[in-house]
Full PDB file with SEQRES, HELIX, SHEET, SSBOND, CRYST1, ORIGX, SCALE, CONECT and MASTER records, all heavy atoms in Angstrom:
SEQRES   1 A   33  PRO VAL ARG LEU VAL SER VAL SER TRP GLU GLY THR ILE          
SEQRES   2 A   33  TYR ARG TYR LEU THR ASN VAL THR ASP PRO GLU VAL LEU          
SEQRES   3 A   33  SER ALA ARG TYR VAL SER GLU                                  
HELIX    1 AA1 ALA A   28  SER A   32  1                                   5    
SHEET    1 AA1 2 ARG A   3  TRP A   9  0                                        
SHEET    2 AA1 2 THR A  12  THR A  18 -1                                        
CRYST1    1.000    1.000    1.000  90.00  90.00  90.00 P 1           1          
ORIGX1      1.000000  0.000000  0.000000        0.00000                         
ORIGX2      0.000000  1.000000  0.000000        0.00000                         
ORIGX3      0.000000  0.000000  1.000000        0.00000                         
SCALE1      1.000000  0.000000  0.000000        0.00000                         
SCALE2      0.000000  1.000000  0.000000        0.00000                         
SCALE3      0.000000  0.000000  1.000000        0.00000                         
ATOM      1  N   PRO A   1     109.998  10.552  -6.548  1.00  0.00           N  
ATOM      2  CA  PRO A   1     108.835  11.016  -7.146  1.00  0.00           C  
ATOM      3  C   PRO A   1     107.559  10.769  -6.370  1.00  0.00           C  
ATOM      4  O   PRO A   1     107.389   9.885  -5.615  1.00  0.00           O  
ATOM      5  CB  PRO A   1     108.834  10.106  -8.472  1.00  0.00           C  
ATOM      6  CG  PRO A   1     109.573   8.885  -8.093  1.00  0.00           C  
ATOM      7  CD  PRO A   1     110.634   9.294  -7.022  1.00  0.00           C  
ATOM      8  N   VAL A   2     106.545  11.651  -6.580  1.00  0.00           N  
ATOM      9  CA  VAL A   2     105.260  11.561  -6.028  1.00  0.00           C  
ATOM     10  C   VAL A   2     104.194  11.763  -6.995  1.00  0.00           C  
ATOM     11  O   VAL A   2     104.460  12.083  -8.171  1.00  0.00           O  
ATOM     12  CB  VAL A   2     105.095  12.701  -4.866  1.00  0.00           C  
ATOM     13  CG1 VAL A   2     106.105  12.511  -3.751  1.00  0.00           C  
ATOM     14  CG2 VAL A   2     105.255  14.090  -5.486  1.00  0.00           C  
ATOM     15  N   ARG A   3     103.100  11.388  -6.604  1.00  0.00           N  
ATOM     16  CA  ARG A   3     101.908  11.492  -7.631  1.00  0.00           C  
ATOM     17  C   ARG A   3     101.092  12.791  -7.260  1.00  0.00           C  
ATOM     18  O   ARG A   3     100.948  13.276  -6.109  1.00  0.00           O  
ATOM     19  CB  ARG A   3     100.859  10.375  -7.407  1.00  0.00           C  
ATOM     20  CG  ARG A   3     101.201   8.987  -8.201  1.00  0.00           C  
ATOM     21  CD  ARG A   3     100.274   7.915  -7.682  1.00  0.00           C  
ATOM     22  NE  ARG A   3      98.912   8.034  -8.256  1.00  0.00           N  
ATOM     23  CZ  ARG A   3      97.861   7.513  -7.665  1.00  0.00           C  
ATOM     24  NH1 ARG A   3      98.073   6.767  -6.635  1.00  0.00           N  
ATOM     25  NH2 ARG A   3      96.626   7.670  -8.151  1.00  0.00           N  
ATOM     26  N   LEU A   4     100.796  13.497  -8.344  1.00  0.00           N  
ATOM     27  CA  LEU A   4      99.949  14.663  -8.305  1.00  0.00           C  
ATOM     28  C   LEU A   4      98.570  14.384  -8.915  1.00  0.00           C  
ATOM     29  O   LEU A   4      98.486  14.016 -10.119  1.00  0.00           O  
ATOM     30  CB  LEU A   4     100.597  15.817  -9.014  1.00  0.00           C  
ATOM     31  CG  LEU A   4      99.797  17.118  -9.130  1.00  0.00           C  
ATOM     32  CD1 LEU A   4      99.448  17.653  -7.826  1.00  0.00           C  
ATOM     33  CD2 LEU A   4     100.486  18.174 -10.028  1.00  0.00           C  
ATOM     34  N   VAL A   5      97.484  14.377  -8.142  1.00  0.00           N  
ATOM     35  CA  VAL A   5      96.202  14.208  -8.595  1.00  0.00           C  
ATOM     36  C   VAL A   5      95.411  15.568  -8.658  1.00  0.00           C  
ATOM     37  O   VAL A   5      95.241  16.152  -7.504  1.00  0.00           O  
ATOM     38  CB  VAL A   5      95.334  13.229  -7.750  1.00  0.00           C  
ATOM     39  CG1 VAL A   5      93.976  13.137  -8.218  1.00  0.00           C  
ATOM     40  CG2 VAL A   5      96.172  11.802  -7.637  1.00  0.00           C  
ATOM     41  N   SER A   6      94.945  16.020  -9.797  1.00  0.00           N  
ATOM     42  CA  SER A   6      94.200  17.284  -9.918  1.00  0.00           C  
ATOM     43  C   SER A   6      92.913  16.951 -10.231  1.00  0.00           C  
ATOM     44  O   SER A   6      92.485  16.350 -11.180  1.00  0.00           O  
ATOM     45  CB  SER A   6      94.912  18.097 -10.931  1.00  0.00           C  
ATOM     46  OG  SER A   6      96.307  18.342 -10.867  1.00  0.00           O  
ATOM     47  N   VAL A   7      91.852  17.572  -9.489  1.00  0.00           N  
ATOM     48  CA  VAL A   7      90.555  17.338  -9.682  1.00  0.00           C  
ATOM     49  C   VAL A   7      89.776  18.653  -9.830  1.00  0.00           C  
ATOM     50  O   VAL A   7      89.929  19.585  -9.066  1.00  0.00           O  
ATOM     51  CB  VAL A   7      89.888  16.653  -8.419  1.00  0.00           C  
ATOM     52  CG1 VAL A   7      88.390  16.281  -8.610  1.00  0.00           C  
ATOM     53  CG2 VAL A   7      90.675  15.401  -8.152  1.00  0.00           C  
ATOM     54  N   SER A   8      88.935  18.766 -10.707  1.00  0.00           N  
ATOM     55  CA  SER A   8      88.181  19.902 -11.125  1.00  0.00           C  
ATOM     56  C   SER A   8      86.832  19.725 -10.474  1.00  0.00           C  
ATOM     57  O   SER A   8      86.026  18.789 -10.867  1.00  0.00           O  
ATOM     58  CB  SER A   8      87.921  20.134 -12.637  1.00  0.00           C  
ATOM     59  OG  SER A   8      86.987  21.202 -12.891  1.00  0.00           O  
ATOM     60  N   TRP A   9      86.572  20.570  -9.471  1.00  0.00           N  
ATOM     61  CA  TRP A   9      85.244  20.487  -8.726  1.00  0.00           C  
ATOM     62  C   TRP A   9      84.616  21.683  -8.776  1.00  0.00           C  
ATOM     63  O   TRP A   9      84.842  22.651  -8.115  1.00  0.00           O  
ATOM     64  CB  TRP A   9      85.683  19.977  -7.162  1.00  0.00           C  
ATOM     65  CG  TRP A   9      84.439  19.677  -6.315  1.00  0.00           C  
ATOM     66  CD1 TRP A   9      83.647  20.662  -5.717  1.00  0.00           C  
ATOM     67  CD2 TRP A   9      84.106  18.433  -5.867  1.00  0.00           C  
ATOM     68  NE1 TRP A   9      82.708  19.838  -4.901  1.00  0.00           N  
ATOM     69  CE2 TRP A   9      83.003  18.563  -5.046  1.00  0.00           C  
ATOM     70  CE3 TRP A   9      84.489  17.139  -6.224  1.00  0.00           C  
ATOM     71  CZ2 TRP A   9      82.237  17.432  -4.585  1.00  0.00           C  
ATOM     72  CZ3 TRP A   9      83.798  15.994  -5.768  1.00  0.00           C  
ATOM     73  CH2 TRP A   9      82.662  16.263  -4.970  1.00  0.00           C  
ATOM     74  N   GLU A  10      83.399  21.655  -9.413  1.00  0.00           N  
ATOM     75  CA  GLU A  10      82.693  22.862  -9.683  1.00  0.00           C  
ATOM     76  C   GLU A  10      83.463  24.001 -10.267  1.00  0.00           C  
ATOM     77  O   GLU A  10      83.282  25.147  -9.784  1.00  0.00           O  
ATOM     78  CB  GLU A  10      81.863  23.199  -8.458  1.00  0.00           C  
ATOM     79  CG  GLU A  10      80.683  22.228  -8.206  1.00  0.00           C  
ATOM     80  CD  GLU A  10      79.745  22.748  -7.207  1.00  0.00           C  
ATOM     81  OE1 GLU A  10      80.250  23.178  -6.096  1.00  0.00           O  
ATOM     82  OE2 GLU A  10      78.568  22.993  -7.484  1.00  0.00           O  
ATOM     83  N   GLY A  11      84.441  23.834 -11.132  1.00  0.00           N  
ATOM     84  CA  GLY A  11      85.218  24.849 -11.655  1.00  0.00           C  
ATOM     85  C   GLY A  11      86.538  25.250 -10.872  1.00  0.00           C  
ATOM     86  O   GLY A  11      87.202  26.068 -11.384  1.00  0.00           O  
ATOM     87  N   THR A  12      86.636  24.648  -9.728  1.00  0.00           N  
ATOM     88  CA  THR A  12      87.873  24.955  -8.890  1.00  0.00           C  
ATOM     89  C   THR A  12      88.721  23.659  -9.091  1.00  0.00           C  
ATOM     90  O   THR A  12      88.227  22.451  -8.854  1.00  0.00           O  
ATOM     91  CB  THR A  12      87.492  25.045  -7.446  1.00  0.00           C  
ATOM     92  OG1 THR A  12      86.530  26.334  -7.450  1.00  0.00           O  
ATOM     93  CG2 THR A  12      88.728  25.509  -6.717  1.00  0.00           C  
ATOM     94  N   ILE A  13      90.052  23.898  -9.167  1.00  0.00           N  
ATOM     95  CA  ILE A  13      91.051  22.794  -9.358  1.00  0.00           C  
ATOM     96  C   ILE A  13      91.595  22.600  -7.975  1.00  0.00           C  
ATOM     97  O   ILE A  13      92.183  23.506  -7.384  1.00  0.00           O  
ATOM     98  CB  ILE A  13      92.252  23.120 -10.345  1.00  0.00           C  
ATOM     99  CG1 ILE A  13      91.552  23.520 -11.639  1.00  0.00           C  
ATOM    100  CG2 ILE A  13      93.132  21.996 -10.359  1.00  0.00           C  
ATOM    101  CD1 ILE A  13      90.666  22.321 -12.276  1.00  0.00           C  
ATOM    102  N   TYR A  14      91.510  21.382  -7.485  1.00  0.00           N  
ATOM    103  CA  TYR A  14      92.167  20.817  -6.301  1.00  0.00           C  
ATOM    104  C   TYR A  14      93.263  19.888  -6.546  1.00  0.00           C  
ATOM    105  O   TYR A  14      93.050  18.975  -7.322  1.00  0.00           O  
ATOM    106  CB  TYR A  14      91.220  20.311  -5.323  1.00  0.00           C  
ATOM    107  CG  TYR A  14      90.048  21.133  -4.894  1.00  0.00           C  
ATOM    108  CD1 TYR A  14      88.843  21.324  -5.537  1.00  0.00           C  
ATOM    109  CD2 TYR A  14      90.044  21.925  -3.622  1.00  0.00           C  
ATOM    110  CE1 TYR A  14      87.818  22.144  -5.254  1.00  0.00           C  
ATOM    111  CE2 TYR A  14      89.184  22.798  -3.347  1.00  0.00           C  
ATOM    112  CZ  TYR A  14      88.041  22.872  -4.029  1.00  0.00           C  
ATOM    113  OH  TYR A  14      87.006  23.807  -3.681  1.00  0.00           O  
ATOM    114  N   ARG A  15      94.297  20.134  -5.942  1.00  0.00           N  
ATOM    115  CA  ARG A  15      95.596  19.342  -6.213  1.00  0.00           C  
ATOM    116  C   ARG A  15      96.105  18.498  -4.950  1.00  0.00           C  
ATOM    117  O   ARG A  15      96.299  19.173  -3.977  1.00  0.00           O  
ATOM    118  CB  ARG A  15      96.720  20.210  -6.899  1.00  0.00           C  
ATOM    119  CG  ARG A  15      96.377  20.761  -8.170  1.00  0.00           C  
ATOM    120  CD  ARG A  15      97.369  21.650  -8.777  1.00  0.00           C  
ATOM    121  NE  ARG A  15      97.233  22.120 -10.139  1.00  0.00           N  
ATOM    122  CZ  ARG A  15      96.464  23.249 -10.483  1.00  0.00           C  
ATOM    123  NH1 ARG A  15      95.997  23.945  -9.460  1.00  0.00           N  
ATOM    124  NH2 ARG A  15      96.286  23.521 -11.701  1.00  0.00           N  
ATOM    125  N   TYR A  16      96.253  17.263  -5.134  1.00  0.00           N  
ATOM    126  CA  TYR A  16      96.696  16.435  -4.040  1.00  0.00           C  
ATOM    127  C   TYR A  16      97.996  15.667  -4.399  1.00  0.00           C  
ATOM    128  O   TYR A  16      98.153  15.357  -5.471  1.00  0.00           O  
ATOM    129  CB  TYR A  16      95.535  15.385  -3.674  1.00  0.00           C  
ATOM    130  CG  TYR A  16      94.109  16.092  -3.530  1.00  0.00           C  
ATOM    131  CD1 TYR A  16      93.236  15.986  -4.520  1.00  0.00           C  
ATOM    132  CD2 TYR A  16      93.817  16.764  -2.428  1.00  0.00           C  
ATOM    133  CE1 TYR A  16      91.987  16.638  -4.410  1.00  0.00           C  
ATOM    134  CE2 TYR A  16      92.504  17.306  -2.223  1.00  0.00           C  
ATOM    135  CZ  TYR A  16      91.538  17.200  -3.238  1.00  0.00           C  
ATOM    136  OH  TYR A  16      90.433  17.815  -3.124  1.00  0.00           O  
ATOM    137  N   LEU A  17      98.756  15.508  -3.277  1.00  0.00           N  
ATOM    138  CA  LEU A  17      99.949  14.790  -3.416  1.00  0.00           C  
ATOM    139  C   LEU A  17      99.907  13.533  -2.616  1.00  0.00           C  
ATOM    140  O   LEU A  17      99.325  13.488  -1.609  1.00  0.00           O  
ATOM    141  CB  LEU A  17     101.142  15.567  -2.889  1.00  0.00           C  
ATOM    142  CG  LEU A  17     101.640  16.900  -3.746  1.00  0.00           C  
ATOM    143  CD1 LEU A  17     102.678  17.576  -2.970  1.00  0.00           C  
ATOM    144  CD2 LEU A  17     102.028  16.413  -5.164  1.00  0.00           C  
ATOM    145  N   THR A  18     100.653  12.436  -3.144  1.00  0.00           N  
ATOM    146  CA  THR A  18     100.755  11.192  -2.358  1.00  0.00           C  
ATOM    147  C   THR A  18     102.118  10.444  -2.815  1.00  0.00           C  
ATOM    148  O   THR A  18     102.414  10.746  -4.080  1.00  0.00           O  
ATOM    149  CB  THR A  18      99.529  10.294  -2.379  1.00  0.00           C  
ATOM    150  OG1 THR A  18      99.813   9.152  -1.783  1.00  0.00           O  
ATOM    151  CG2 THR A  18      99.279   9.895  -3.981  1.00  0.00           C  
ATOM    152  N   ASN A  19     102.745   9.828  -2.039  1.00  0.00           N  
ATOM    153  CA  ASN A  19     103.840   8.953  -2.480  1.00  0.00           C  
ATOM    154  C   ASN A  19     103.480   7.533  -2.674  1.00  0.00           C  
ATOM    155  O   ASN A  19     104.234   6.678  -2.909  1.00  0.00           O  
ATOM    156  CB  ASN A  19     104.900   9.042  -1.276  1.00  0.00           C  
ATOM    157  CG  ASN A  19     104.505   8.303  -0.076  1.00  0.00           C  
ATOM    158  OD1 ASN A  19     103.329   8.345   0.304  1.00  0.00           O  
ATOM    159  ND2 ASN A  19     105.510   7.881   0.814  1.00  0.00           N  
ATOM    160  N   VAL A  20     102.083   7.219  -2.780  1.00  0.00           N  
ATOM    161  CA  VAL A  20     101.539   6.001  -3.258  1.00  0.00           C  
ATOM    162  C   VAL A  20     101.535   6.152  -4.771  1.00  0.00           C  
ATOM    163  O   VAL A  20     100.595   6.583  -5.349  1.00  0.00           O  
ATOM    164  CB  VAL A  20     100.161   5.623  -2.714  1.00  0.00           C  
ATOM    165  CG1 VAL A  20      99.826   4.303  -3.254  1.00  0.00           C  
ATOM    166  CG2 VAL A  20     100.136   5.687  -1.216  1.00  0.00           C  
ATOM    167  N   THR A  21     102.571   5.686  -5.472  1.00  0.00           N  
ATOM    168  CA  THR A  21     102.697   5.971  -6.893  1.00  0.00           C  
ATOM    169  C   THR A  21     101.942   4.937  -7.797  1.00  0.00           C  
ATOM    170  O   THR A  21     101.937   5.033  -9.002  1.00  0.00           O  
ATOM    171  CB  THR A  21     104.276   5.768  -7.255  1.00  0.00           C  
ATOM    172  OG1 THR A  21     104.804   4.506  -6.880  1.00  0.00           O  
ATOM    173  CG2 THR A  21     105.109   6.735  -6.656  1.00  0.00           C  
ATOM    174  N   ASP A  22     101.456   3.843  -7.165  1.00  0.00           N  
ATOM    175  CA  ASP A  22     100.696   2.909  -8.018  1.00  0.00           C  
ATOM    176  C   ASP A  22      99.182   3.197  -7.929  1.00  0.00           C  
ATOM    177  O   ASP A  22      98.664   2.965  -6.868  1.00  0.00           O  
ATOM    178  CB  ASP A  22     101.012   1.328  -7.486  1.00  0.00           C  
ATOM    179  CG  ASP A  22     100.486   0.399  -8.491  1.00  0.00           C  
ATOM    180  OD1 ASP A  22      99.693   0.710  -9.361  1.00  0.00           O  
ATOM    181  OD2 ASP A  22     100.766  -0.824  -8.038  1.00  0.00           O  
ATOM    182  N   PRO A  23      98.609   3.626  -8.970  1.00  0.00           N  
ATOM    183  CA  PRO A  23      97.078   3.796  -8.857  1.00  0.00           C  
ATOM    184  C   PRO A  23      96.238   2.442  -8.578  1.00  0.00           C  
ATOM    185  O   PRO A  23      95.202   2.632  -8.198  1.00  0.00           O  
ATOM    186  CB  PRO A  23      96.771   4.192 -10.302  1.00  0.00           C  
ATOM    187  CG  PRO A  23      98.045   4.743 -10.924  1.00  0.00           C  
ATOM    188  CD  PRO A  23      99.123   3.761 -10.276  1.00  0.00           C  
ATOM    189  N   GLU A  24      96.899   1.281  -8.698  1.00  0.00           N  
ATOM    190  CA  GLU A  24      96.185   0.072  -8.396  1.00  0.00           C  
ATOM    191  C   GLU A  24      95.990   0.011  -6.877  1.00  0.00           C  
ATOM    192  O   GLU A  24      95.271  -0.656  -6.398  1.00  0.00           O  
ATOM    193  CB  GLU A  24      96.883  -1.105  -8.941  1.00  0.00           C  
ATOM    194  CG  GLU A  24      96.930  -1.251 -10.523  1.00  0.00           C  
ATOM    195  CD  GLU A  24      95.547  -1.299 -11.005  1.00  0.00           C  
ATOM    196  OE1 GLU A  24      94.684  -1.901 -10.430  1.00  0.00           O  
ATOM    197  OE2 GLU A  24      95.235  -0.782 -12.272  1.00  0.00           O  
ATOM    198  N   VAL A  25      97.107   0.426  -6.145  1.00  0.00           N  
ATOM    199  CA  VAL A  25      96.968   0.448  -4.718  1.00  0.00           C  
ATOM    200  C   VAL A  25      96.154   1.509  -4.077  1.00  0.00           C  
ATOM    201  O   VAL A  25      95.231   1.329  -3.276  1.00  0.00           O  
ATOM    202  CB  VAL A  25      98.481   0.640  -4.114  1.00  0.00           C  
ATOM    203  CG1 VAL A  25      98.432   0.745  -2.579  1.00  0.00           C  
ATOM    204  CG2 VAL A  25      99.366  -0.495  -4.635  1.00  0.00           C  
ATOM    205  N   LEU A  26      96.263   2.763  -4.631  1.00  0.00           N  
ATOM    206  CA  LEU A  26      95.406   3.965  -4.194  1.00  0.00           C  
ATOM    207  C   LEU A  26      94.995   4.697  -5.554  1.00  0.00           C  
ATOM    208  O   LEU A  26      95.867   5.416  -6.073  1.00  0.00           O  
ATOM    209  CB  LEU A  26      96.166   4.796  -3.287  1.00  0.00           C  
ATOM    210  CG  LEU A  26      95.360   5.878  -2.439  1.00  0.00           C  
ATOM    211  CD1 LEU A  26      94.440   5.176  -1.512  1.00  0.00           C  
ATOM    212  CD2 LEU A  26      96.307   6.795  -1.748  1.00  0.00           C  
ATOM    213  N   SER A  27      93.803   4.642  -5.848  1.00  0.00           N  
ATOM    214  CA  SER A  27      93.369   5.197  -7.164  1.00  0.00           C  
ATOM    215  C   SER A  27      93.193   6.728  -6.881  1.00  0.00           C  
ATOM    216  O   SER A  27      93.228   7.267  -5.700  1.00  0.00           O  
ATOM    217  CB  SER A  27      91.979   4.736  -7.492  1.00  0.00           C  
ATOM    218  OG  SER A  27      90.965   5.024  -6.598  1.00  0.00           O  
ATOM    219  N   ALA A  28      93.074   7.422  -7.911  1.00  0.00           N  
ATOM    220  CA  ALA A  28      93.013   8.970  -7.861  1.00  0.00           C  
ATOM    221  C   ALA A  28      91.811   9.286  -7.117  1.00  0.00           C  
ATOM    222  O   ALA A  28      91.811  10.277  -6.393  1.00  0.00           O  
ATOM    223  CB  ALA A  28      92.923   9.466  -9.335  1.00  0.00           C  
ATOM    224  N   ARG A  29      90.628   8.638  -7.161  1.00  0.00           N  
ATOM    225  CA  ARG A  29      89.472   9.000  -6.508  1.00  0.00           C  
ATOM    226  C   ARG A  29      89.730   8.825  -4.920  1.00  0.00           C  
ATOM    227  O   ARG A  29      89.295   9.615  -4.176  1.00  0.00           O  
ATOM    228  CB  ARG A  29      88.342   8.028  -6.942  1.00  0.00           C  
ATOM    229  CG  ARG A  29      87.040   8.510  -6.055  1.00  0.00           C  
ATOM    230  CD  ARG A  29      85.893   7.643  -6.606  1.00  0.00           C  
ATOM    231  NE  ARG A  29      84.548   8.179  -6.008  1.00  0.00           N  
ATOM    232  CZ  ARG A  29      83.450   7.570  -6.093  1.00  0.00           C  
ATOM    233  NH1 ARG A  29      83.360   6.715  -7.044  1.00  0.00           N  
ATOM    234  NH2 ARG A  29      82.415   8.020  -5.503  1.00  0.00           N  
ATOM    235  N   TYR A  30      90.355   7.783  -4.538  1.00  0.00           N  
ATOM    236  CA  TYR A  30      90.654   7.634  -3.109  1.00  0.00           C  
ATOM    237  C   TYR A  30      91.658   8.590  -2.579  1.00  0.00           C  
ATOM    238  O   TYR A  30      91.481   9.032  -1.455  1.00  0.00           O  
ATOM    239  CB  TYR A  30      91.243   6.152  -2.920  1.00  0.00           C  
ATOM    240  CG  TYR A  30      90.179   4.969  -2.814  1.00  0.00           C  
ATOM    241  CD1 TYR A  30      90.220   3.955  -3.516  1.00  0.00           C  
ATOM    242  CD2 TYR A  30      89.118   5.165  -1.956  1.00  0.00           C  
ATOM    243  CE1 TYR A  30      89.148   2.995  -3.506  1.00  0.00           C  
ATOM    244  CE2 TYR A  30      88.130   4.237  -1.732  1.00  0.00           C  
ATOM    245  CZ  TYR A  30      88.238   3.126  -2.582  1.00  0.00           C  
ATOM    246  OH  TYR A  30      87.286   2.169  -2.346  1.00  0.00           O  
ATOM    247  N   VAL A  31      92.538   9.092  -3.416  1.00  0.00           N  
ATOM    248  CA  VAL A  31      93.411  10.141  -2.975  1.00  0.00           C  
ATOM    249  C   VAL A  31      92.628  11.311  -2.598  1.00  0.00           C  
ATOM    250  O   VAL A  31      92.873  11.906  -1.584  1.00  0.00           O  
ATOM    251  CB  VAL A  31      94.540  10.368  -4.068  1.00  0.00           C  
ATOM    252  CG1 VAL A  31      95.346  11.691  -3.661  1.00  0.00           C  
ATOM    253  CG2 VAL A  31      95.522   9.236  -4.293  1.00  0.00           C  
ATOM    254  N   SER A  32      91.736  11.750  -3.524  1.00  0.00           N  
ATOM    255  CA  SER A  32      90.922  12.899  -3.348  1.00  0.00           C  
ATOM    256  C   SER A  32      89.839  12.651  -2.161  1.00  0.00           C  
ATOM    257  O   SER A  32      89.746  13.531  -1.368  1.00  0.00           O  
ATOM    258  CB  SER A  32      90.151  13.186  -4.474  1.00  0.00           C  
ATOM    259  OG  SER A  32      89.146  14.262  -4.366  1.00  0.00           O  
ATOM    260  N   GLU A  33      89.367  11.583  -1.927  1.00  0.00           N  
ATOM    261  CA  GLU A  33      88.371  11.400  -0.942  1.00  0.00           C  
ATOM    262  C   GLU A  33      89.053  11.281   0.340  1.00  0.00           C  
ATOM    263  O   GLU A  33      88.391  11.698   1.404  1.00  0.00           O  
ATOM    264  CB  GLU A  33      87.530  10.090  -1.181  1.00  0.00           C  
ATOM    265  CG  GLU A  33      86.695  10.092  -2.490  1.00  0.00           C  
ATOM    266  CD  GLU A  33      85.432  11.208  -2.318  1.00  0.00           C  
ATOM    267  OE1 GLU A  33      85.248  11.528  -1.264  1.00  0.00           O  
ATOM    268  OE2 GLU A  33      84.879  11.569  -3.344  1.00  0.00           O  
TER     269      GLU A  33                                                      
MASTER        0    0    0    1    2    0    0    6  268    1    0    3          
END                                                                             
């Protein structure tokens, strides 16, 4: 399993994947940034 982080940025959806499944280790914001 992997994590899917979807971010709405000025009306456009950006989708990111990571195999860091624990948000405490890598938050959704850090995945995007």
